[in-house]
Amino acid sequence: MRKVRFMESRPRNVKNGLAIFGVASTFLLACTTITPHENFKAHLNAALSRSVDVDPALSLCSQKQKNLIEEKLLPNGNMESRHFLRYGWTGGICTYFCEFDSVTRKIVHVRFEGVEENCGIPP
């Protein structure tokens, strides 16, 4: 039977621990480096296939949002709502649009107009 000394096995454990720490810290860094603009786009895309009648805290495209500007009927029979968002130091406005089916009231398309500095949600 071979005896393993504690000091011989320690460097391997330290290397494994450093590798795990490196992978974990890289993953956490990657998760926290999302920009406000990317976060805005993620929130907007998350509204797809949701109802426009949900709580405003759950969807940017909710018809109950205080930033709803107007609704209009599109040639294809769907409705489009226009919203605004004010973000950033420039004081500019980002306008985003949510197209939804007028029968099911589910969101089928989203888009925005504005510059990256104005179209953002803090992560």
C-alpha atoms as a PDB file:
ATOM      1  CA  MET A   1       0.000   0.000   0.000  1.00  0.00           C
ATOM      2  CA  ARG A   2       1.377   3.359  -1.031  1.00  0.00           C
ATOM      3  CA  LYS A   3       1.196   6.224   1.368  1.00  0.00           C
ATOM      4  CA  VAL A   4       0.185   9.572  -0.062  1.00  0.00           C
ATOM      5  CA  ARG A   5       1.559  12.524   1.730  1.00  0.00           C
ATOM      6  CA  PHE A   6      -0.782  15.466   2.241  1.00  0.00           C
ATOM      7  CA  MET A   7       1.646  17.935   0.727  1.00  0.00           C
ATOM      8  CA  GLU A   8       1.899  15.983  -2.543  1.00  0.00           C
ATOM      9  CA  SER A   9      -1.836  16.054  -3.228  1.00  0.00           C
ATOM     10  CA  ARG A  10      -2.318  19.687  -2.315  1.00  0.00           C
ATOM     11  CA  PRO A  11      -0.967  21.310  -5.507  1.00  0.00           C
ATOM     12  CA  ARG A  12      -3.435  19.313  -7.624  1.00  0.00           C
ATOM     13  CA  ASN A  13      -6.349  20.441  -5.427  1.00  0.00           C
ATOM     14  CA  VAL A  14      -5.180  24.039  -5.646  1.00  0.00           C
ATOM     15  CA  LYS A  15      -4.985  23.826  -9.440  1.00  0.00           C
ATOM     16  CA  ASN A  16      -8.476  22.323  -9.622  1.00  0.00           C
ATOM     17  CA  GLY A  17      -9.805  25.009  -7.295  1.00  0.00           C
ATOM     18  CA  LEU A  18      -8.230  27.772  -9.364  1.00  0.00           C
ATOM     19  CA  ALA A  19      -9.661  26.298 -12.551  1.00  0.00           C
ATOM     20  CA  ILE A  20     -13.158  26.139 -11.065  1.00  0.00           C
ATOM     21  CA  PHE A  21     -12.804  29.688  -9.744  1.00  0.00           C
ATOM     22  CA  GLY A  22     -11.639  30.904 -13.162  1.00  0.00           C
ATOM     23  CA  VAL A  23     -14.556  29.297 -14.989  1.00  0.00           C
ATOM     24  CA  ALA A  24     -17.081  30.570 -12.436  1.00  0.00           C
ATOM     25  CA  SER A  25     -15.740  34.128 -12.461  1.00  0.00           C
ATOM     26  CA  THR A  26     -15.668  34.179 -16.272  1.00  0.00           C
ATOM     27  CA  PHE A  27     -19.300  33.035 -16.332  1.00  0.00           C
ATOM     28  CA  LEU A  28     -20.350  35.691 -13.806  1.00  0.00           C
ATOM     29  CA  LEU A  29     -18.473  38.394 -15.701  1.00  0.00           C
ATOM     30  CA  ALA A  30     -20.153  37.366 -18.941  1.00  0.00           C
ATOM     31  CA  CYS A  31     -23.574  37.561 -17.279  1.00  0.00           C
ATOM     32  CA  THR A  32     -23.033  41.055 -15.908  1.00  0.00           C
ATOM     33  CA  THR A  33     -21.639  42.703 -19.013  1.00  0.00           C
ATOM     34  CA  ILE A  34     -24.960  43.130 -20.817  1.00  0.00           C
ATOM     35  CA  THR A  35     -25.445  46.698 -21.992  1.00  0.00           C
ATOM     36  CA  PRO A  36     -28.615  48.697 -21.292  1.00  0.00           C
ATOM     37  CA  HIS A  37     -29.435  48.574 -25.015  1.00  0.00           C
ATOM     38  CA  GLU A  38     -29.069  44.784 -25.152  1.00  0.00           C
ATOM     39  CA  ASN A  39     -31.249  44.563 -22.041  1.00  0.00           C
ATOM     40  CA  PHE A  40     -33.896  46.746 -23.711  1.00  0.00           C
ATOM     41  CA  LYS A  41     -33.911  44.512 -26.794  1.00  0.00           C
ATOM     42  CA  ALA A  42     -34.189  41.409 -24.598  1.00  0.00           C
ATOM     43  CA  HIS A  43     -37.192  42.898 -22.751  1.00  0.00           C
ATOM     44  CA  LEU A  44     -38.815  43.878 -26.036  1.00  0.00           C
ATOM     45  CA  ASN A  45     -38.293  40.416 -27.553  1.00  0.00           C
ATOM     46  CA  ALA A  46     -39.615  38.800 -24.368  1.00  0.00           C
ATOM     47  CA  ALA A  47     -42.963  40.469 -25.094  1.00  0.00           C
ATOM     48  CA  LEU A  48     -43.424  38.400 -28.277  1.00  0.00           C
ATOM     49  CA  SER A  49     -46.382  35.981 -28.131  1.00  0.00           C
ATOM     50  CA  ARG A  50     -47.621  37.537 -24.876  1.00  0.00           C
ATOM     51  CA  SER A  51     -50.957  39.216 -24.500  1.00  0.00           C
ATOM     52  CA  VAL A  52     -51.104  43.001 -24.639  1.00  0.00           C
ATOM     53  CA  ASP A  53     -53.489  42.880 -21.673  1.00  0.00           C
ATOM     54  CA  VAL A  54     -50.900  41.721 -19.113  1.00  0.00           C
ATOM     55  CA  ASP A  55     -49.595  43.723 -16.183  1.00  0.00           C
ATOM     56  CA  PRO A  56     -47.253  46.520 -17.353  1.00  0.00           C
ATOM     57  CA  ALA A  57     -44.530  45.183 -15.055  1.00  0.00           C
ATOM     58  CA  LEU A  58     -44.428  41.997 -17.145  1.00  0.00           C
ATOM     59  CA  SER A  59     -44.293  43.418 -20.657  1.00  0.00           C
ATOM     60  CA  LEU A  60     -43.111  46.585 -22.393  1.00  0.00           C
ATOM     61  CA  CYS A  61     -45.985  46.147 -24.855  1.00  0.00           C
ATOM     62  CA  SER A  62     -48.779  46.091 -22.294  1.00  0.00           C
ATOM     63  CA  GLN A  63     -51.745  48.261 -23.243  1.00  0.00           C
ATOM     64  CA  LYS A  64     -51.791  49.403 -19.619  1.00  0.00           C
ATOM     65  CA  GLN A  65     -48.360  51.058 -19.941  1.00  0.00           C
ATOM     66  CA  LYS A  66     -48.361  54.766 -19.120  1.00  0.00           C
ATOM     67  CA  ASN A  67     -46.044  55.408 -22.070  1.00  0.00           C
ATOM     68  CA  LEU A  68     -48.562  54.273 -24.710  1.00  0.00           C
ATOM     69  CA  ILE A  69     -48.841  57.008 -27.369  1.00  0.00           C
ATOM     70  CA  GLU A  70     -51.299  55.610 -29.891  1.00  0.00           C
ATOM     71  CA  GLU A  71     -52.789  52.543 -31.536  1.00  0.00           C
ATOM     72  CA  LYS A  72     -53.586  52.121 -35.188  1.00  0.00           C
ATOM     73  CA  LEU A  73     -55.041  49.486 -37.489  1.00  0.00           C
ATOM     74  CA  LEU A  74     -52.565  48.027 -39.985  1.00  0.00           C
ATOM     75  CA  PRO A  75     -53.447  46.963 -43.560  1.00  0.00           C
ATOM     76  CA  ASN A  76     -53.013  43.284 -42.603  1.00  0.00           C
ATOM     77  CA  GLY A  77     -55.750  43.556 -39.940  1.00  0.00           C
ATOM     78  CA  ASN A  78     -53.400  43.619 -36.971  1.00  0.00           C
ATOM     79  CA  MET A  79     -53.117  46.503 -34.526  1.00  0.00           C
ATOM     80  CA  GLU A  80     -49.921  48.399 -33.745  1.00  0.00           C
ATOM     81  CA  SER A  81     -49.283  50.268 -30.530  1.00  0.00           C
ATOM     82  CA  ARG A  82     -46.636  52.977 -30.305  1.00  0.00           C
ATOM     83  CA  HIS A  83     -44.813  53.582 -27.022  1.00  0.00           C
ATOM     84  CA  PHE A  84     -42.004  55.857 -25.904  1.00  0.00           C
ATOM     85  CA  LEU A  85     -39.087  55.344 -23.563  1.00  0.00           C
ATOM     86  CA  ARG A  86     -36.864  58.041 -22.123  1.00  0.00           C
ATOM     87  CA  TYR A  87     -33.440  56.796 -21.052  1.00  0.00           C
ATOM     88  CA  GLY A  88     -29.918  58.090 -20.854  1.00  0.00           C
ATOM     89  CA  TRP A  89     -28.136  61.348 -20.274  1.00  0.00           C
ATOM     90  CA  THR A  90     -29.044  62.722 -23.716  1.00  0.00           C
ATOM     91  CA  GLY A  91     -32.688  63.132 -22.778  1.00  0.00           C
ATOM     92  CA  GLY A  92     -33.698  61.696 -26.146  1.00  0.00           C
ATOM     93  CA  ILE A  93     -36.705  59.513 -26.677  1.00  0.00           C
ATOM     94  CA  CYS A  94     -36.808  55.973 -27.997  1.00  0.00           C
ATOM     95  CA  THR A  95     -40.002  54.961 -29.755  1.00  0.00           C
ATOM     96  CA  TYR A  96     -40.933  51.299 -29.915  1.00  0.00           C
ATOM     97  CA  PHE A  97     -43.791  49.559 -31.669  1.00  0.00           C
ATOM     98  CA  CYS A  98     -45.707  46.407 -30.801  1.00  0.00           C
ATOM     99  CA  GLU A  99     -47.811  44.744 -33.473  1.00  0.00           C
ATOM    100  CA  PHE A 100     -50.483  42.412 -32.148  1.00  0.00           C
ATOM    101  CA  ASP A 101     -53.261  40.264 -33.546  1.00  0.00           C
ATOM    102  CA  SER A 102     -56.548  42.108 -33.085  1.00  0.00           C
ATOM    103  CA  VAL A 103     -58.464  38.879 -32.328  1.00  0.00           C
ATOM    104  CA  THR A 104     -56.110  36.984 -29.990  1.00  0.00           C
ATOM    105  CA  ARG A 105     -54.394  40.168 -28.732  1.00  0.00           C
ATOM    106  CA  LYS A 106     -51.028  38.359 -28.818  1.00  0.00           C
ATOM    107  CA  ILE A 107     -47.908  40.269 -29.836  1.00  0.00           C
ATOM    108  CA  VAL A 108     -46.563  39.115 -33.190  1.00  0.00           C
ATOM    109  CA  HIS A 109     -43.853  41.686 -33.988  1.00  0.00           C
ATOM    110  CA  VAL A 110     -41.805  44.330 -32.157  1.00  0.00           C
ATOM    111  CA  ARG A 111     -39.474  47.037 -33.405  1.00  0.00           C
ATOM    112  CA  PHE A 112     -37.947  50.286 -32.234  1.00  0.00           C
ATOM    113  CA  GLU A 113     -36.725  53.589 -33.624  1.00  0.00           C
ATOM    114  CA  GLY A 114     -34.002  55.481 -31.868  1.00  0.00           C
ATOM    115  CA  VAL A 115     -30.345  55.475 -31.038  1.00  0.00           C
ATOM    116  CA  GLU A 116     -28.675  53.040 -28.680  1.00  0.00           C
ATOM    117  CA  GLU A 117     -28.106  55.718 -26.024  1.00  0.00           C
ATOM    118  CA  ASN A 118     -31.853  56.390 -25.785  1.00  0.00           C
ATOM    119  CA  CYS A 119     -33.130  52.823 -26.088  1.00  0.00           C
ATOM    120  CA  GLY A 120     -31.929  51.185 -22.912  1.00  0.00           C
ATOM    121  CA  ILE A 121     -33.018  49.592 -19.661  1.00  0.00           C
ATOM    122  CA  PRO A 122     -30.436  49.295 -16.871  1.00  0.00           C
ATOM    123  CA  PRO A 123     -29.481  45.646 -16.285  1.00  0.00           C
END
